[in-house]
PDB file of N, CA and C in Angstrom:
ATOM      1  N   MET A   1     111.721  90.788 106.904  1.00  0.00           N
ATOM      2  CA  MET A   1     111.359  92.106 106.410  1.00  0.00           C
ATOM      3  C   MET A   1     111.830  93.177 107.385  1.00  0.00           C
ATOM      4  N   TRP A   2     111.957  94.371 106.890  1.00  0.00           N
ATOM      5  CA  TRP A   2     112.452  95.462 107.701  1.00  0.00           C
ATOM      6  C   TRP A   2     111.392  95.955 108.656  1.00  0.00           C
ATOM      7  N   GLN A   3     111.816  96.234 109.858  1.00  0.00           N
ATOM      8  CA  GLN A   3     110.924  96.818 110.853  1.00  0.00           C
ATOM      9  C   GLN A   3     110.987  98.344 110.812  1.00  0.00           C
ATOM     10  N   ALA A   4     112.141  98.868 110.442  1.00  0.00           N
ATOM     11  CA  ALA A   4     112.289 100.327 110.406  1.00  0.00           C
ATOM     12  C   ALA A   4     111.407 100.888 109.297  1.00  0.00           C
ATOM     13  N   ASN A   5     110.619 101.882 109.659  1.00  0.00           N
ATOM     14  CA  ASN A   5     109.656 102.412 108.707  1.00  0.00           C
ATOM     15  C   ASN A   5     110.103 103.728 108.087  1.00  0.00           C
ATOM     16  N   ASN A   6     111.134 104.349 108.626  1.00  0.00           N
ATOM     17  CA  ASN A   6     111.513 105.678 108.142  1.00  0.00           C
ATOM     18  C   ASN A   6     112.617 105.600 107.096  1.00  0.00           C
ATOM     19  N   ARG A   7     112.394 104.805 106.080  1.00  0.00           N
ATOM     20  CA  ARG A   7     113.363 104.662 105.000  1.00  0.00           C
ATOM     21  C   ARG A   7     112.793 105.265 103.728  1.00  0.00           C
ATOM     22  N   HIS A   8     113.615 106.071 103.075  1.00  0.00           N
ATOM     23  CA  HIS A   8     113.174 106.693 101.825  1.00  0.00           C
ATOM     24  C   HIS A   8     112.694 105.598 100.878  1.00  0.00           C
ATOM     25  N   THR A   9     111.522 105.816 100.293  1.00  0.00           N
ATOM     26  CA  THR A   9     110.883 104.804  99.450  1.00  0.00           C
ATOM     27  C   THR A   9     110.456 105.430  98.129  1.00  0.00           C
ATOM     28  N   ILE A  10     110.786 104.755  97.056  1.00  0.00           N
ATOM     29  CA  ILE A  10     110.378 105.174  95.720  1.00  0.00           C
ATOM     30  C   ILE A  10     109.419 104.111  95.181  1.00  0.00           C
ATOM     31  N   ILE A  11     108.240 104.553  94.767  1.00  0.00           N
ATOM     32  CA  ILE A  11     107.271 103.651  94.155  1.00  0.00           C
ATOM     33  C   ILE A  11     107.359 103.845  92.642  1.00  0.00           C
ATOM     34  N   LEU A  12     107.636 102.762  91.943  1.00  0.00           N
ATOM     35  CA  LEU A  12     107.678 102.766  90.484  1.00  0.00           C
ATOM     36  C   LEU A  12     106.358 102.170  90.010  1.00  0.00           C
ATOM     37  N   MET A  13     105.696 102.875  89.105  1.00  0.00           N
ATOM     38  CA  MET A  13     104.347 102.464  88.729  1.00  0.00           C
ATOM     39  C   MET A  13     104.144 102.633  87.234  1.00  0.00           C
ATOM     40  N   GLN A  14     103.446 101.675  86.645  1.00  0.00           N
ATOM     41  CA  GLN A  14     103.067 101.763  85.242  1.00  0.00           C
ATOM     42  C   GLN A  14     101.607 101.330  85.131  1.00  0.00           C
ATOM     43  N   PRO A  15     100.673 102.304  85.149  1.00  0.00           N
ATOM     44  CA  PRO A  15      99.254 101.953  85.084  1.00  0.00           C
ATOM     45  C   PRO A  15      98.846 101.293  83.764  1.00  0.00           C
ATOM     46  N   GLY A  16      99.442 101.707  82.662  1.00  0.00           N
ATOM     47  CA  GLY A  16      99.047 101.177  81.354  1.00  0.00           C
ATOM     48  C   GLY A  16     100.262 100.917  80.498  1.00  0.00           C
ATOM     49  N   ASN A  17     100.293 101.551  79.325  1.00  0.00           N
ATOM     50  CA  ASN A  17     101.410 101.339  78.401  1.00  0.00           C
ATOM     51  C   ASN A  17     102.679 102.034  78.893  1.00  0.00           C
ATOM     52  N   ARG A  18     103.749 101.861  78.145  1.00  0.00           N
ATOM     53  CA  ARG A  18     105.058 102.401  78.554  1.00  0.00           C
ATOM     54  C   ARG A  18     105.030 103.908  78.795  1.00  0.00           C
ATOM     55  N   ALA A  19     104.174 104.622  78.088  1.00  0.00           N
ATOM     56  CA  ALA A  19     104.101 106.072  78.238  1.00  0.00           C
ATOM     57  C   ALA A  19     103.542 106.488  79.593  1.00  0.00           C
ATOM     58  N   THR A  20     102.937 105.560  80.324  1.00  0.00           N
ATOM     59  CA  THR A  20     102.332 105.894  81.614  1.00  0.00           C
ATOM     60  C   THR A  20     103.273 105.632  82.787  1.00  0.00           C
ATOM     61  N   ARG A  21     104.497 105.239  82.512  1.00  0.00           N
ATOM     62  CA  ARG A  21     105.442 104.986  83.610  1.00  0.00           C
ATOM     63  C   ARG A  21     105.653 106.245  84.430  1.00  0.00           C
ATOM     64  N   THR A  22     105.681 106.068  85.747  1.00  0.00           N
ATOM     65  CA  THR A  22     105.916 107.209  86.622  1.00  0.00           C
ATOM     66  C   THR A  22     106.532 106.707  87.920  1.00  0.00           C
ATOM     67  N   PHE A  23     106.946 107.627  88.752  1.00  0.00           N
ATOM     68  CA  PHE A  23     107.444 107.255  90.069  1.00  0.00           C
ATOM     69  C   PHE A  23     107.004 108.310  91.067  1.00  0.00           C
ATOM     70  N   MET A  24     106.970 107.905  92.323  1.00  0.00           N
ATOM     71  CA  MET A  24     106.664 108.812  93.418  1.00  0.00           C
ATOM     72  C   MET A  24     107.652 108.495  94.530  1.00  0.00           C
ATOM     73  N   ASP A  25     108.174 109.517  95.173  1.00  0.00           N
ATOM     74  CA  ASP A  25     109.084 109.219  96.277  1.00  0.00           C
ATOM     75  C   ASP A  25     108.519 109.749  97.585  1.00  0.00           C
ATOM     76  N   TYR A  26     108.832 109.020  98.655  1.00  0.00           N
ATOM     77  CA  TYR A  26     108.281 109.285  99.982  1.00  0.00           C
ATOM     78  C   TYR A  26     109.396 109.171 101.018  1.00  0.00           C
ATOM     79  N   ASP A  27     109.181 109.834 102.146  1.00  0.00           N
ATOM     80  CA  ASP A  27     110.170 109.813 103.224  1.00  0.00           C
ATOM     81  C   ASP A  27     110.155 108.524 104.029  1.00  0.00           C
ATOM     82  N   SER A  28     109.083 107.733 103.898  1.00  0.00           N
ATOM     83  CA  SER A  28     108.992 106.501 104.673  1.00  0.00           C
ATOM     84  C   SER A  28     108.143 105.474 103.936  1.00  0.00           C
ATOM     85  N   ILE A  29     108.245 104.237 104.377  1.00  0.00           N
ATOM     86  CA  ILE A  29     107.409 103.173 103.824  1.00  0.00           C
ATOM     87  C   ILE A  29     105.944 103.482 104.118  1.00  0.00           C
ATOM     88  N   ALA A  30     105.649 103.954 105.324  1.00  0.00           N
ATOM     89  CA  ALA A  30     104.261 104.255 105.706  1.00  0.00           C
ATOM     90  C   ALA A  30     103.671 105.330 104.798  1.00  0.00           C
ATOM     91  N   SER A  31     104.427 106.387 104.526  1.00  0.00           N
ATOM     92  CA  SER A  31     103.886 107.443 103.668  1.00  0.00           C
ATOM     93  C   SER A  31     103.740 106.951 102.228  1.00  0.00           C
ATOM     94  N   ALA A  32     104.588 106.030 101.797  1.00  0.00           N
ATOM     95  CA  ALA A  32     104.438 105.442 100.462  1.00  0.00           C
ATOM     96  C   ALA A  32     103.138 104.638 100.384  1.00  0.00           C
ATOM     97  N   MET A  33     102.842 103.881 101.430  1.00  0.00           N
ATOM     98  CA  MET A  33     101.599 103.101 101.453  1.00  0.00           C
ATOM     99  C   MET A  33     100.386 104.030 101.506  1.00  0.00           C
ATOM    100  N   ASP A  34     100.501 105.121 102.253  1.00  0.00           N
ATOM    101  CA  ASP A  34      99.420 106.120 102.266  1.00  0.00           C
ATOM    102  C   ASP A  34      99.225 106.707 100.869  1.00  0.00           C
ATOM    103  N   GLY A  35     100.327 106.932 100.170  1.00  0.00           N
ATOM    104  CA  GLY A  35     100.253 107.474  98.813  1.00  0.00           C
ATOM    105  C   GLY A  35      99.565 106.519  97.851  1.00  0.00           C
ATOM    106  N   ILE A  36      99.878 105.241  97.945  1.00  0.00           N
ATOM    107  CA  ILE A  36      99.231 104.238  97.090  1.00  0.00           C
ATOM    108  C   ILE A  36      97.743 104.175  97.393  1.00  0.00           C
ATOM    109  N   CYS A  37      97.396 104.163  98.671  1.00  0.00           N
ATOM    110  CA  CYS A  37      95.974 104.151  99.048  1.00  0.00           C
ATOM    111  C   CYS A  37      95.283 105.416  98.543  1.00  0.00           C
ATOM    112  N   GLY A  38      95.970 106.542  98.610  1.00  0.00           N
ATOM    113  CA  GLY A  38      95.410 107.798  98.125  1.00  0.00           C
ATOM    114  C   GLY A  38      95.142 107.762  96.629  1.00  0.00           C
ATOM    115  N   LEU A  39      96.051 107.165  95.853  1.00  0.00           N
ATOM    116  CA  LEU A  39      95.832 107.024  94.410  1.00  0.00           C
ATOM    117  C   LEU A  39      94.602 106.162  94.135  1.00  0.00           C
ATOM    118  N   PHE A  40      94.483 105.066  94.891  1.00  0.00           N
ATOM    119  CA  PHE A  40      93.334 104.178  94.725  1.00  0.00           C
ATOM    120  C   PHE A  40      92.036 104.889  95.095  1.00  0.00           C
ATOM    121  N   GLU A  41      92.057 105.624  96.204  1.00  0.00           N
ATOM    122  CA  GLU A  41      90.865 106.346  96.642  1.00  0.00           C
ATOM    123  C   GLU A  41      90.473 107.426  95.624  1.00  0.00           C
ATOM    124  N   LYS A  42      91.449 108.089  95.031  1.00  0.00           N
ATOM    125  CA  LYS A  42      91.154 109.088  93.991  1.00  0.00           C
ATOM    126  C   LYS A  42      90.494 108.419  92.791  1.00  0.00           C
ATOM    127  N   ARG A  43      91.004 107.263  92.423  1.00  0.00           N
ATOM    128  CA  ARG A  43      90.409 106.530  91.302  1.00  0.00           C
ATOM    129  C   ARG A  43      88.963 106.149  91.618  1.00  0.00           C
ATOM    130  N   LEU A  44      88.720 105.697  92.847  1.00  0.00           N
ATOM    131  CA  LEU A  44      87.350 105.350  93.252  1.00  0.00           C
ATOM    132  C   LEU A  44      86.432 106.567  93.186  1.00  0.00           C
ATOM    133  N   LYS A  45      86.915 107.702  93.662  1.00  0.00           N
ATOM    134  CA  LYS A  45      86.112 108.933  93.632  1.00  0.00           C
ATOM    135  C   LYS A  45      85.837 109.379  92.206  1.00  0.00           C
ATOM    136  N   ASP A  46      86.845 109.278  91.347  1.00  0.00           N
ATOM    137  CA  ASP A  46      86.665 109.658  89.943  1.00  0.00           C
ATOM    138  C   ASP A  46      85.670 108.734  89.243  1.00  0.00           C
ATOM    139  N   SER A  47      85.667 107.459  89.626  1.00  0.00           N
ATOM    140  CA  SER A  47      84.759 106.480  89.026  1.00  0.00           C
ATOM    141  C   SER A  47      83.343 106.583  89.573  1.00  0.00           C
ATOM    142  N   ASN A  48      83.199 107.163  90.754  1.00  0.00           N
ATOM    143  CA  ASN A  48      81.903 107.258  91.423  1.00  0.00           C
ATOM    144  C   ASN A  48      81.665 108.682  91.915  1.00  0.00           C
ATOM    145  N   PRO A  49      81.565 109.654  91.004  1.00  0.00           N
ATOM    146  CA  PRO A  49      81.499 111.054  91.428  1.00  0.00           C
ATOM    147  C   PRO A  49      80.245 111.411  92.233  1.00  0.00           C
ATOM    148  N   ASN A  50      79.193 110.634  92.114  1.00  0.00           N
ATOM    149  CA  ASN A  50      77.952 110.955  92.822  1.00  0.00           C
ATOM    150  C   ASN A  50      77.877 110.368  94.226  1.00  0.00           C
ATOM    151  N   LEU A  51      78.821 109.502  94.577  1.00  0.00           N
ATOM    152  CA  LEU A  51      78.816 108.916  95.919  1.00  0.00           C
ATOM    153  C   LEU A  51      79.535 109.828  96.896  1.00  0.00           C
ATOM    154  N   ARG A  52      78.896 110.093  98.008  1.00  0.00           N
ATOM    155  CA  ARG A  52      79.486 110.965  99.025  1.00  0.00           C
ATOM    156  C   ARG A  52      80.547 110.216  99.825  1.00  0.00           C
ATOM    157  N   ASN A  53      80.228 109.002 100.243  1.00  0.00           N
ATOM    158  CA  ASN A  53      81.159 108.173 101.009  1.00  0.00           C
ATOM    159  C   ASN A  53      81.490 106.917 100.223  1.00  0.00           C
ATOM    160  N   ILE A  54      82.762 106.662 100.069  1.00  0.00           N
ATOM    161  CA  ILE A  54      83.216 105.478  99.351  1.00  0.00           C
ATOM    162  C   ILE A  54      83.980 104.601 100.326  1.00  0.00           C
ATOM    163  N   THR A  55      83.621 103.341 100.351  1.00  0.00           N
ATOM    164  CA  THR A  55      84.339 102.397 101.201  1.00  0.00           C
ATOM    165  C   THR A  55      84.958 101.316 100.325  1.00  0.00           C
ATOM    166  N   TYR A  56      86.004 100.721 100.832  1.00  0.00           N
ATOM    167  CA  TYR A  56      86.646  99.612 100.125  1.00  0.00           C
ATOM    168  C   TYR A  56      87.291  98.701 101.148  1.00  0.00           C
ATOM    169  N   ASP A  57      87.591  97.482 100.723  1.00  0.00           N
ATOM    170  CA  ASP A  57      88.310  96.578 101.613  1.00  0.00           C
ATOM    171  C   ASP A  57      89.661  96.244 100.982  1.00  0.00           C
ATOM    172  N   ILE A  58      90.442  95.479 101.696  1.00  0.00           N
ATOM    173  CA  ILE A  58      91.812  95.192 101.256  1.00  0.00           C
ATOM    174  C   ILE A  58      91.822  94.455  99.920  1.00  0.00           C
ATOM    175  N   ALA A  59      90.811  93.620  99.678  1.00  0.00           N
ATOM    176  CA  ALA A  59      90.747  92.894  98.406  1.00  0.00           C
ATOM    177  C   ALA A  59      90.598  93.864  97.233  1.00  0.00           C
ATOM    178  N   ASP A  60      89.841  94.942  97.427  1.00  0.00           N
ATOM    179  CA  ASP A  60      89.692  95.957  96.377  1.00  0.00           C
ATOM    180  C   ASP A  60      91.029  96.641  96.088  1.00  0.00           C
ATOM    181  N   LEU A  61      91.761  96.963  97.139  1.00  0.00           N
ATOM    182  CA  LEU A  61      93.076  97.586  96.977  1.00  0.00           C
ATOM    183  C   LEU A  61      94.031  96.625  96.262  1.00  0.00           C
ATOM    184  N   TYR A  62      94.000  95.355  96.658  1.00  0.00           N
ATOM    185  CA  TYR A  62      94.853  94.354  96.008  1.00  0.00           C
ATOM    186  C   TYR A  62      94.533  94.243  94.516  1.00  0.00           C
ATOM    187  N   ARG A  63      93.247  94.256  94.164  1.00  0.00           N
ATOM    188  CA  ARG A  63      92.854  94.177  92.750  1.00  0.00           C
ATOM    189  C   ARG A  63      93.383  95.383  91.973  1.00  0.00           C
ATOM    190  N   TYR A  64      93.322  96.550  92.596  1.00  0.00           N
ATOM    191  CA  TYR A  64      93.854  97.763  91.964  1.00  0.00           C
ATOM    192  C   TYR A  64      95.350  97.599  91.698  1.00  0.00           C
ATOM    193  N   ILE A  65      96.089  97.150  92.693  1.00  0.00           N
ATOM    194  CA  ILE A  65      97.540  96.971  92.544  1.00  0.00           C
ATOM    195  C   ILE A  65      97.848  95.936  91.469  1.00  0.00           C
ATOM    196  N   GLU A  66      97.118  94.833  91.467  1.00  0.00           N
ATOM    197  CA  GLU A  66      97.340  93.770  90.479  1.00  0.00           C
ATOM    198  C   GLU A  66      96.959  94.201  89.073  1.00  0.00           C
ATOM    199  N   ALA A  67      95.984  95.103  88.935  1.00  0.00           N
ATOM    200  CA  ALA A  67      95.524  95.536  87.612  1.00  0.00           C
ATOM    201  C   ALA A  67      96.520  96.464  86.922  1.00  0.00           C
ATOM    202  N   LEU A  68      97.431  97.044  87.679  1.00  0.00           N
ATOM    203  CA  LEU A  68      98.451  97.912  87.081  1.00  0.00           C
ATOM    204  C   LEU A  68      99.393  97.067  86.236  1.00  0.00           C
ATOM    205  N   THR A  69      99.876  97.624  85.143  1.00  0.00           N
ATOM    206  CA  THR A  69     100.817  96.893  84.307  1.00  0.00           C
ATOM    207  C   THR A  69     102.053  96.514  85.113  1.00  0.00           C
ATOM    208  N   ASP A  70     102.512  97.440  85.959  1.00  0.00           N
ATOM    209  CA  ASP A  70     103.679  97.150  86.796  1.00  0.00           C
ATOM    210  C   ASP A  70     103.673  98.056  88.012  1.00  0.00           C
ATOM    211  N   MET A  71     104.160  97.529  89.116  1.00  0.00           N
ATOM    212  CA  MET A  71     104.360  98.326  90.325  1.00  0.00           C
ATOM    213  C   MET A  71     105.444  97.641  91.154  1.00  0.00           C
ATOM    214  N   SER A  72     106.380  98.442  91.623  1.00  0.00           N
ATOM    215  CA  SER A  72     107.427  97.931  92.506  1.00  0.00           C
ATOM    216  C   SER A  72     107.892  99.066  93.401  1.00  0.00           C
ATOM    217  N   ALA A  73     108.716  98.721  94.365  1.00  0.00           N
ATOM    218  CA  ALA A  73     109.220  99.712  95.309  1.00  0.00           C
ATOM    219  C   ALA A  73     110.730  99.581  95.429  1.00  0.00           C
ATOM    220  N   LEU A  74     111.357 100.708  95.653  1.00  0.00           N
ATOM    221  CA  LEU A  74     112.777 100.754  95.992  1.00  0.00           C
ATOM    222  C   LEU A  74     112.861 101.414  97.358  1.00  0.00           C
ATOM    223  N   VAL A  75     113.450 100.703  98.312  1.00  0.00           N
ATOM    224  CA  VAL A  75     113.535 101.201  99.686  1.00  0.00           C
ATOM    225  C   VAL A  75     115.002 101.321 100.070  1.00  0.00           C
ATOM    226  N   PHE A  76     115.374 102.503 100.552  1.00  0.00           N
ATOM    227  CA  PHE A  76     116.774 102.732 100.904  1.00  0.00           C
ATOM    228  C   PHE A  76     117.180 101.876 102.090  1.00  0.00           C
ATOM    229  N   ASP A  77     118.292 101.195 101.933  1.00  0.00           N
ATOM    230  CA  ASP A  77     118.852 100.363 103.000  1.00  0.00           C
ATOM    231  C   ASP A  77     120.200 100.961 103.387  1.00  0.00           C
ATOM    232  N   PRO A  78     120.256 101.622 104.558  1.00  0.00           N
ATOM    233  CA  PRO A  78     121.516 102.267 104.942  1.00  0.00           C
ATOM    234  C   PRO A  78     122.665 101.283 105.163  1.00  0.00           C
ATOM    235  N   ALA A  79     122.371 100.038 105.415  1.00  0.00           N
ATOM    236  CA  ALA A  79     123.431  99.049 105.634  1.00  0.00           C
ATOM    237  C   ALA A  79     124.278  98.846 104.379  1.00  0.00           C
ATOM    238  N   ILE A  80     123.660  99.030 103.212  1.00  0.00           N
ATOM    239  CA  ILE A  80     124.401  98.854 101.967  1.00  0.00           C
ATOM    240  C   ILE A  80     124.495 100.155 101.165  1.00  0.00           C
ATOM    241  N   SER A  81     123.944 101.235 101.718  1.00  0.00           N
ATOM    242  CA  SER A  81     123.920 102.547 101.049  1.00  0.00           C
ATOM    243  C   SER A  81     123.365 102.447  99.627  1.00  0.00           C
ATOM    244  N   ALA A  82     122.273 101.704  99.516  1.00  0.00           N
ATOM    245  CA  ALA A  82     121.642 101.529  98.207  1.00  0.00           C
ATOM    246  C   ALA A  82     120.158 101.238  98.403  1.00  0.00           C
ATOM    247  N   TYR A  83     119.440 101.232  97.300  1.00  0.00           N
ATOM    248  CA  TYR A  83     118.015 100.932  97.340  1.00  0.00           C
ATOM    249  C   TYR A  83     117.797  99.448  97.075  1.00  0.00           C
ATOM    250  N   ALA A  84     116.968  98.828  97.899  1.00  0.00           N
ATOM    251  CA  ALA A  84     116.610  97.428  97.721  1.00  0.00           C
ATOM    252  C   ALA A  84     115.261  97.357  97.008  1.00  0.00           C
ATOM    253  N   PRO A  85     115.147  96.485  96.003  1.00  0.00           N
ATOM    254  CA  PRO A  85     113.893  96.381  95.257  1.00  0.00           C
ATOM    255  C   PRO A  85     112.895  95.448  95.943  1.00  0.00           C
ATOM    256  N   PHE A  86     111.610  95.789  95.812  1.00  0.00           N
ATOM    257  CA  PHE A  86     110.539  94.955  96.345  1.00  0.00           C
ATOM    258  C   PHE A  86     109.418  94.883  95.318  1.00  0.00           C
ATOM    259  N   ASP A  87     108.753  93.745  95.287  1.00  0.00           N
ATOM    260  CA  ASP A  87     107.718  93.512  94.282  1.00  0.00           C
ATOM    261  C   ASP A  87     106.324  93.857  94.795  1.00  0.00           C
ATOM    262  N   ARG A  88     105.353  93.581  93.948  1.00  0.00           N
ATOM    263  CA  ARG A  88     103.944  93.846  94.264  1.00  0.00           C
ATOM    264  C   ARG A  88     103.481  93.135  95.529  1.00  0.00           C
ATOM    265  N   ALA A  89     103.914  91.891  95.704  1.00  0.00           N
ATOM    266  CA  ALA A  89     103.498  91.133  96.891  1.00  0.00           C
ATOM    267  C   ALA A  89     103.940  91.851  98.164  1.00  0.00           C
ATOM    268  N   TRP A  90     105.151  92.379  98.162  1.00  0.00           N
ATOM    269  CA  TRP A  90     105.650  93.122  99.318  1.00  0.00           C
ATOM    270  C   TRP A  90     104.829  94.386  99.527  1.00  0.00           C
ATOM    271  N   ILE A  91     104.518  95.086  98.426  1.00  0.00           N
ATOM    272  CA  ILE A  91     103.716  96.310  98.521  1.00  0.00           C
ATOM    273  C   ILE A  91     102.356  95.994  99.126  1.00  0.00           C
ATOM    274  N   LYS A  92     101.729  94.914  98.667  1.00  0.00           N
ATOM    275  CA  LYS A  92     100.417  94.539  99.204  1.00  0.00           C
ATOM    276  C   LYS A  92     100.517  94.214 100.699  1.00  0.00           C
ATOM    277  N   GLN A  93     101.564  93.514 101.086  1.00  0.00           N
ATOM    278  CA  GLN A  93     101.757  93.179 102.507  1.00  0.00           C
ATOM    279  C   GLN A  93     101.952  94.447 103.340  1.00  0.00           C
ATOM    280  N   GLN A  94     102.754  95.371 102.842  1.00  0.00           N
ATOM    281  CA  GLN A  94     103.001  96.616 103.567  1.00  0.00           C
ATOM    282  C   GLN A  94     101.736  97.471 103.652  1.00  0.00           C
ATOM    283  N   ALA A  95     100.961  97.507 102.565  1.00  0.00           N
ATOM    284  CA  ALA A  95      99.705  98.267 102.564  1.00  0.00           C
ATOM    285  C   ALA A  95      98.737  97.674 103.581  1.00  0.00           C
ATOM    286  N   PHE A  96      98.655  96.350 103.626  1.00  0.00           N
ATOM    287  CA  PHE A  96      97.777  95.693 104.595  1.00  0.00           C
ATOM    288  C   PHE A  96      98.196  96.039 106.026  1.00  0.00           C
ATOM    289  N   GLN A  97      99.493  95.956 106.309  1.00  0.00           N
ATOM    290  CA  GLN A  97      99.993  96.275 107.655  1.00  0.00           C
ATOM    291  C   GLN A  97      99.698  97.732 108.007  1.00  0.00           C
ATOM    292  N   ARG A  98      99.861  98.617 107.045  1.00  0.00           N
ATOM    293  CA  ARG A  98      99.608 100.041 107.288  1.00  0.00           C
ATOM    294  C   ARG A  98      98.129 100.289 107.592  1.00  0.00           C
ATOM    295  N   LEU A  99      97.237  99.718 106.787  1.00  0.00           N
ATOM    296  CA  LEU A  99      95.798  99.899 107.009  1.00  0.00           C
ATOM    297  C   LEU A  99      95.369  99.276 108.335  1.00  0.00           C
ATOM    298  N   LYS A 100      95.975  98.150 108.670  1.00  0.00           N
ATOM    299  CA  LYS A 100      95.665  97.490 109.943  1.00  0.00           C
ATOM    300  C   LYS A 100      96.066  98.400 111.119  1.00  0.00           C
ATOM    301  N   ARG A 101      97.243  98.998 111.021  1.00  0.00           N
ATOM    302  CA  ARG A 101      97.690  99.917 112.076  1.00  0.00           C
ATOM    303  C   ARG A 101      96.775 101.129 112.177  1.00  0.00           C
ATOM    304  N   LEU A 102      96.378 101.683 111.028  1.00  0.00           N
ATOM    305  CA  LEU A 102      95.500 102.850 111.040  1.00  0.00           C
ATOM    306  C   LEU A 102      94.127 102.505 111.604  1.00  0.00           C
ATOM    307  N   ALA A 103      93.632 101.324 111.306  1.00  0.00           N
ATOM    308  CA  ALA A 103      92.311 100.907 111.822  1.00  0.00           C
ATOM    309  C   ALA A 103      92.351 100.693 113.320  1.00  0.00           C
ATOM    310  N   GLY A 104      93.505 100.346 113.854  1.00  0.00           N
ATOM    311  CA  GLY A 104      93.668 100.097 115.281  1.00  0.00           C
ATOM    312  C   GLY A 104      93.786 101.363 116.114  1.00  0.00           C
ATOM    313  N   GLN A 105      93.966 102.510 115.461  1.00  0.00           N
ATOM    314  CA  GLN A 105      94.163 103.764 116.193  1.00  0.00           C
ATOM    315  C   GLN A 105      92.856 104.322 116.687  1.00  0.00           C
TER     316      GLN A 105
END
């Protein structure tokens, strides 16, 4: 896997039917993972409007990612001047690494 984190990343996401397809682009893999976590946290807040503090663990985030109809990532690889595709498993691994780094700070 790539160690360089500052690669333009596009997250392709389909929460439900085909009409819900969308994408988000980020300047780095880390910011893409922050964006995915932010979407999940927004969903938690919307589902629990009366809770002041919401906590979750990595298993909750994984369930959210798996519950989506589709999710993948395209990460720019300067060696080939193209975007390399990555699946949900890679996204989950990157999200875990990102949260682990943030928890260590």
